[in-house]
Amino acid sequence: MKLQNIKIVSSQDDLKPNILKGNKSLNPKELFGIWKNNPKNLKDIRSESWDFKN
């Protein structure tokens, strides 16, 4: 393969990351207390999320 036969094509658009602004209209305070009636600890969350083989 000869180097003269190789053509490198790059686009300036490919180099820029696609960054979008978040939705600031959401109220994060509504998330507090989501487990109020069903308290969980980290062990409970892990046991429900992952299947551990003991």
PDB file of N, CA and C in Angstrom:
ATOM      1  N   MET A   1       0.849  -1.169   0.000  1.00  0.00           N
ATOM      2  CA  MET A   1       0.000   0.000   0.000  1.00  0.00           C
ATOM      3  C   MET A   1       0.898   1.236   0.000  1.00  0.00           C
ATOM      4  N   LYS A   2       0.612   2.146  -0.876  1.00  0.00           N
ATOM      5  CA  LYS A   2       1.397   3.375  -0.973  1.00  0.00           C
ATOM      6  C   LYS A   2       0.706   4.486  -0.196  1.00  0.00           C
ATOM      7  N   LEU A   3       1.496   5.326   0.441  1.00  0.00           N
ATOM      8  CA  LEU A   3       0.940   6.428   1.206  1.00  0.00           C
ATOM      9  C   LEU A   3       0.228   7.440   0.313  1.00  0.00           C
ATOM     10  N   GLN A   4       0.598   7.504  -0.939  1.00  0.00           N
ATOM     11  CA  GLN A   4      -0.061   8.438  -1.848  1.00  0.00           C
ATOM     12  C   GLN A   4      -1.514   8.040  -2.098  1.00  0.00           C
ATOM     13  N   ASN A   5      -1.868   6.798  -1.880  1.00  0.00           N
ATOM     14  CA  ASN A   5      -3.225   6.316  -2.114  1.00  0.00           C
ATOM     15  C   ASN A   5      -4.144   6.505  -0.915  1.00  0.00           C
ATOM     16  N   ILE A   6      -3.618   6.996   0.206  1.00  0.00           N
ATOM     17  CA  ILE A   6      -4.401   7.161   1.426  1.00  0.00           C
ATOM     18  C   ILE A   6      -4.828   8.612   1.553  1.00  0.00           C
ATOM     19  N   LYS A   7      -6.118   8.807   1.766  1.00  0.00           N
ATOM     20  CA  LYS A   7      -6.647  10.149   1.930  1.00  0.00           C
ATOM     21  C   LYS A   7      -7.349  10.223   3.289  1.00  0.00           C
ATOM     22  N   ILE A   8      -6.961  11.180   4.106  1.00  0.00           N
ATOM     23  CA  ILE A   8      -7.552  11.352   5.432  1.00  0.00           C
ATOM     24  C   ILE A   8      -8.586  12.470   5.343  1.00  0.00           C
ATOM     25  N   VAL A   9      -9.794  12.152   5.740  1.00  0.00           N
ATOM     26  CA  VAL A   9     -10.881  13.122   5.709  1.00  0.00           C
ATOM     27  C   VAL A   9     -11.379  13.293   7.133  1.00  0.00           C
ATOM     28  N   SER A  10     -11.415  14.530   7.598  1.00  0.00           N
ATOM     29  CA  SER A  10     -11.948  14.786   8.934  1.00  0.00           C
ATOM     30  C   SER A  10     -12.927  15.942   8.857  1.00  0.00           C
ATOM     31  N   SER A  11     -13.866  15.931   9.756  1.00  0.00           N
ATOM     32  CA  SER A  11     -14.885  16.965   9.804  1.00  0.00           C
ATOM     33  C   SER A  11     -14.751  17.712  11.122  1.00  0.00           C
ATOM     34  N   GLN A  12     -14.828  19.017  11.083  1.00  0.00           N
ATOM     35  CA  GLN A  12     -14.744  19.808  12.298  1.00  0.00           C
ATOM     36  C   GLN A  12     -15.949  19.540  13.203  1.00  0.00           C
ATOM     37  N   ASP A  13     -17.097  19.170  12.604  1.00  0.00           N
ATOM     38  CA  ASP A  13     -18.282  18.885  13.400  1.00  0.00           C
ATOM     39  C   ASP A  13     -18.104  17.643  14.264  1.00  0.00           C
ATOM     40  N   ASP A  14     -17.300  16.688  13.809  1.00  0.00           N
ATOM     41  CA  ASP A  14     -17.082  15.462  14.565  1.00  0.00           C
ATOM     42  C   ASP A  14     -16.263  15.706  15.826  1.00  0.00           C
ATOM     43  N   LEU A  15     -15.488  16.767  15.856  1.00  0.00           N
ATOM     44  CA  LEU A  15     -14.599  17.026  16.973  1.00  0.00           C
ATOM     45  C   LEU A  15     -15.317  17.707  18.141  1.00  0.00           C
ATOM     46  N   LYS A  16     -16.473  18.318  17.874  1.00  0.00           N
ATOM     47  CA  LYS A  16     -17.190  19.032  18.919  1.00  0.00           C
ATOM     48  C   LYS A  16     -18.174  18.095  19.617  1.00  0.00           C
ATOM     49  N   PRO A  17     -18.161  18.062  20.956  1.00  0.00           N
ATOM     50  CA  PRO A  17     -19.132  17.210  21.659  1.00  0.00           C
ATOM     51  C   PRO A  17     -20.530  17.805  21.580  1.00  0.00           C
ATOM     52  N   ASN A  18     -21.521  16.945  21.606  1.00  0.00           N
ATOM     53  CA  ASN A  18     -22.911  17.370  21.572  1.00  0.00           C
ATOM     54  C   ASN A  18     -23.378  17.568  23.010  1.00  0.00           C
ATOM     55  N   ILE A  19     -23.447  18.824  23.454  1.00  0.00           N
ATOM     56  CA  ILE A  19     -23.813  19.142  24.830  1.00  0.00           C
ATOM     57  C   ILE A  19     -25.172  19.829  24.829  1.00  0.00           C
ATOM     58  N   LEU A  20     -26.093  19.268  25.604  1.00  0.00           N
ATOM     59  CA  LEU A  20     -27.428  19.841  25.711  1.00  0.00           C
ATOM     60  C   LEU A  20     -27.652  20.316  27.140  1.00  0.00           C
ATOM     61  N   LYS A  21     -28.367  21.408  27.285  1.00  0.00           N
ATOM     62  CA  LYS A  21     -28.687  21.903  28.625  1.00  0.00           C
ATOM     63  C   LYS A  21     -29.777  21.040  29.235  1.00  0.00           C
ATOM     64  N   GLY A  22     -29.703  20.850  30.540  1.00  0.00           N
ATOM     65  CA  GLY A  22     -30.682  20.038  31.244  1.00  0.00           C
ATOM     66  C   GLY A  22     -32.014  20.753  31.405  1.00  0.00           C
ATOM     67  N   ASN A  23     -33.020  20.005  31.776  1.00  0.00           N
ATOM     68  CA  ASN A  23     -34.356  20.543  31.998  1.00  0.00           C
ATOM     69  C   ASN A  23     -34.404  21.135  33.399  1.00  0.00           C
ATOM     70  N   LYS A  24     -34.348  22.441  33.499  1.00  0.00           N
ATOM     71  CA  LYS A  24     -34.314  23.116  34.800  1.00  0.00           C
ATOM     72  C   LYS A  24     -35.710  23.297  35.390  1.00  0.00           C
ATOM     73  N   SER A  25     -36.754  22.891  34.663  1.00  0.00           N
ATOM     74  CA  SER A  25     -38.102  23.078  35.174  1.00  0.00           C
ATOM     75  C   SER A  25     -38.501  21.987  36.172  1.00  0.00           C
ATOM     76  N   LEU A  26     -37.725  20.913  36.265  1.00  0.00           N
ATOM     77  CA  LEU A  26     -38.041  19.847  37.214  1.00  0.00           C
ATOM     78  C   LEU A  26     -37.699  20.285  38.626  1.00  0.00           C
ATOM     79  N   ASN A  27     -38.539  19.938  39.572  1.00  0.00           N
ATOM     80  CA  ASN A  27     -38.315  20.280  40.967  1.00  0.00           C
ATOM     81  C   ASN A  27     -37.688  19.079  41.669  1.00  0.00           C
ATOM     82  N   PRO A  28     -36.392  19.136  42.013  1.00  0.00           N
ATOM     83  CA  PRO A  28     -35.745  17.977  42.630  1.00  0.00           C
ATOM     84  C   PRO A  28     -36.266  17.667  44.036  1.00  0.00           C
ATOM     85  N   LYS A  29     -36.913  18.636  44.686  1.00  0.00           N
ATOM     86  CA  LYS A  29     -37.426  18.391  46.032  1.00  0.00           C
ATOM     87  C   LYS A  29     -38.522  17.329  46.028  1.00  0.00           C
ATOM     88  N   GLU A  30     -39.171  17.124  44.875  1.00  0.00           N
ATOM     89  CA  GLU A  30     -40.209  16.105  44.787  1.00  0.00           C
ATOM     90  C   GLU A  30     -39.628  14.694  44.927  1.00  0.00           C
ATOM     91  N   LEU A  31     -38.337  14.541  44.689  1.00  0.00           N
ATOM     92  CA  LEU A  31     -37.706  13.226  44.802  1.00  0.00           C
ATOM     93  C   LEU A  31     -37.436  12.834  46.257  1.00  0.00           C
ATOM     94  N   PHE A  32     -37.323  13.805  47.128  1.00  0.00           N
ATOM     95  CA  PHE A  32     -37.042  13.510  48.521  1.00  0.00           C
ATOM     96  C   PHE A  32     -38.231  12.800  49.149  1.00  0.00           C
ATOM     97  N   GLY A  33     -37.972  11.728  49.835  1.00  0.00           N
ATOM     98  CA  GLY A  33     -39.026  10.975  50.500  1.00  0.00           C
ATOM     99  C   GLY A  33     -39.709   9.950  49.609  1.00  0.00           C
ATOM    100  N   ILE A  34     -39.091   9.577  48.497  1.00  0.00           N
ATOM    101  CA  ILE A  34     -39.750   8.615  47.609  1.00  0.00           C
ATOM    102  C   ILE A  34     -39.860   7.238  48.259  1.00  0.00           C
ATOM    103  N   TRP A  35     -38.993   6.959  49.255  1.00  0.00           N
ATOM    104  CA  TRP A  35     -39.080   5.688  49.967  1.00  0.00           C
ATOM    105  C   TRP A  35     -39.621   5.900  51.380  1.00  0.00           C
ATOM    106  N   LYS A  36     -40.380   6.945  51.558  1.00  0.00           N
ATOM    107  CA  LYS A  36     -40.899   7.289  52.884  1.00  0.00           C
ATOM    108  C   LYS A  36     -41.715   6.147  53.475  1.00  0.00           C
ATOM    109  N   ASN A  37     -42.570   5.547  52.661  1.00  0.00           N
ATOM    110  CA  ASN A  37     -43.430   4.469  53.144  1.00  0.00           C
ATOM    111  C   ASN A  37     -42.803   3.094  52.996  1.00  0.00           C
ATOM    112  N   ASN A  38     -41.661   3.013  52.369  1.00  0.00           N
ATOM    113  CA  ASN A  38     -40.965   1.747  52.164  1.00  0.00           C
ATOM    114  C   ASN A  38     -39.459   1.988  52.311  1.00  0.00           C
ATOM    115  N   PRO A  39     -38.983   2.187  53.543  1.00  0.00           N
ATOM    116  CA  PRO A  39     -37.564   2.522  53.726  1.00  0.00           C
ATOM    117  C   PRO A  39     -36.649   1.395  53.251  1.00  0.00           C
ATOM    118  N   LYS A  40     -35.543   1.771  52.662  1.00  0.00           N
ATOM    119  CA  LYS A  40     -34.573   0.806  52.145  1.00  0.00           C
ATOM    120  C   LYS A  40     -33.186   1.206  52.601  1.00  0.00           C
ATOM    121  N   ASN A  41     -32.345   0.201  52.771  1.00  0.00           N
ATOM    122  CA  ASN A  41     -30.943   0.483  53.023  1.00  0.00           C
ATOM    123  C   ASN A  41     -30.144  -0.014  51.819  1.00  0.00           C
ATOM    124  N   LEU A  42     -28.863   0.231  51.814  1.00  0.00           N
ATOM    125  CA  LEU A  42     -28.033  -0.114  50.663  1.00  0.00           C
ATOM    126  C   LEU A  42     -28.027  -1.613  50.394  1.00  0.00           C
ATOM    127  N   LYS A  43     -28.064  -2.429  51.443  1.00  0.00           N
ATOM    128  CA  LYS A  43     -28.085  -3.878  51.267  1.00  0.00           C
ATOM    129  C   LYS A  43     -29.364  -4.324  50.547  1.00  0.00           C
ATOM    130  N   ASP A  44     -30.498  -3.736  50.913  1.00  0.00           N
ATOM    131  CA  ASP A  44     -31.770  -4.067  50.251  1.00  0.00           C
ATOM    132  C   ASP A  44     -31.742  -3.690  48.775  1.00  0.00           C
ATOM    133  N   ILE A  45     -31.227  -2.517  48.479  1.00  0.00           N
ATOM    134  CA  ILE A  45     -31.160  -2.053  47.090  1.00  0.00           C
ATOM    135  C   ILE A  45     -30.274  -2.967  46.260  1.00  0.00           C
ATOM    136  N   ARG A  46     -29.125  -3.339  46.810  1.00  0.00           N
ATOM    137  CA  ARG A  46     -28.208  -4.222  46.079  1.00  0.00           C
ATOM    138  C   ARG A  46     -28.818  -5.607  45.867  1.00  0.00           C
ATOM    139  N   SER A  47     -29.470  -6.136  46.879  1.00  0.00           N
ATOM    140  CA  SER A  47     -30.033  -7.490  46.740  1.00  0.00           C
ATOM    141  C   SER A  47     -31.169  -7.514  45.722  1.00  0.00           C
ATOM    142  N   GLU A  48     -31.899  -6.424  45.571  1.00  0.00           N
ATOM    143  CA  GLU A  48     -32.972  -6.366  44.583  1.00  0.00           C
ATOM    144  C   GLU A  48     -32.455  -6.064  43.181  1.00  0.00           C
ATOM    145  N   SER A  49     -31.290  -5.416  43.093  1.00  0.00           N
ATOM    146  CA  SER A  49     -30.761  -4.997  41.795  1.00  0.00           C
ATOM    147  C   SER A  49     -29.871  -6.046  41.138  1.00  0.00           C
ATOM    148  N   TRP A  50     -29.042  -6.713  41.941  1.00  0.00           N
ATOM    149  CA  TRP A  50     -28.073  -7.664  41.403  1.00  0.00           C
ATOM    150  C   TRP A  50     -28.298  -9.034  41.997  1.00  0.00           C
ATOM    151  N   ASP A  51     -28.083 -10.027  41.196  1.00  0.00           N
ATOM    152  CA  ASP A  51     -28.213 -11.406  41.644  1.00  0.00           C
ATOM    153  C   ASP A  51     -26.831 -11.890  42.086  1.00  0.00           C
ATOM    154  N   PHE A  52     -26.571 -11.828  43.411  1.00  0.00           N
ATOM    155  CA  PHE A  52     -25.283 -12.265  43.928  1.00  0.00           C
ATOM    156  C   PHE A  52     -25.304 -13.766  44.182  1.00  0.00           C
ATOM    157  N   LYS A  53     -24.255 -14.422  43.806  1.00  0.00           N
ATOM    158  CA  LYS A  53     -24.087 -15.856  44.081  1.00  0.00           C
ATOM    159  C   LYS A  53     -23.191 -15.993  45.296  1.00  0.00           C
ATOM    160  N   ASN A  54     -23.714 -16.483  46.405  1.00  0.00           N
ATOM    161  CA  ASN A  54     -22.903 -16.651  47.624  1.00  0.00           C
ATOM    162  C   ASN A  54     -22.326 -18.029  47.691  1.00  0.00           C
TER     163      ASN A  54
END
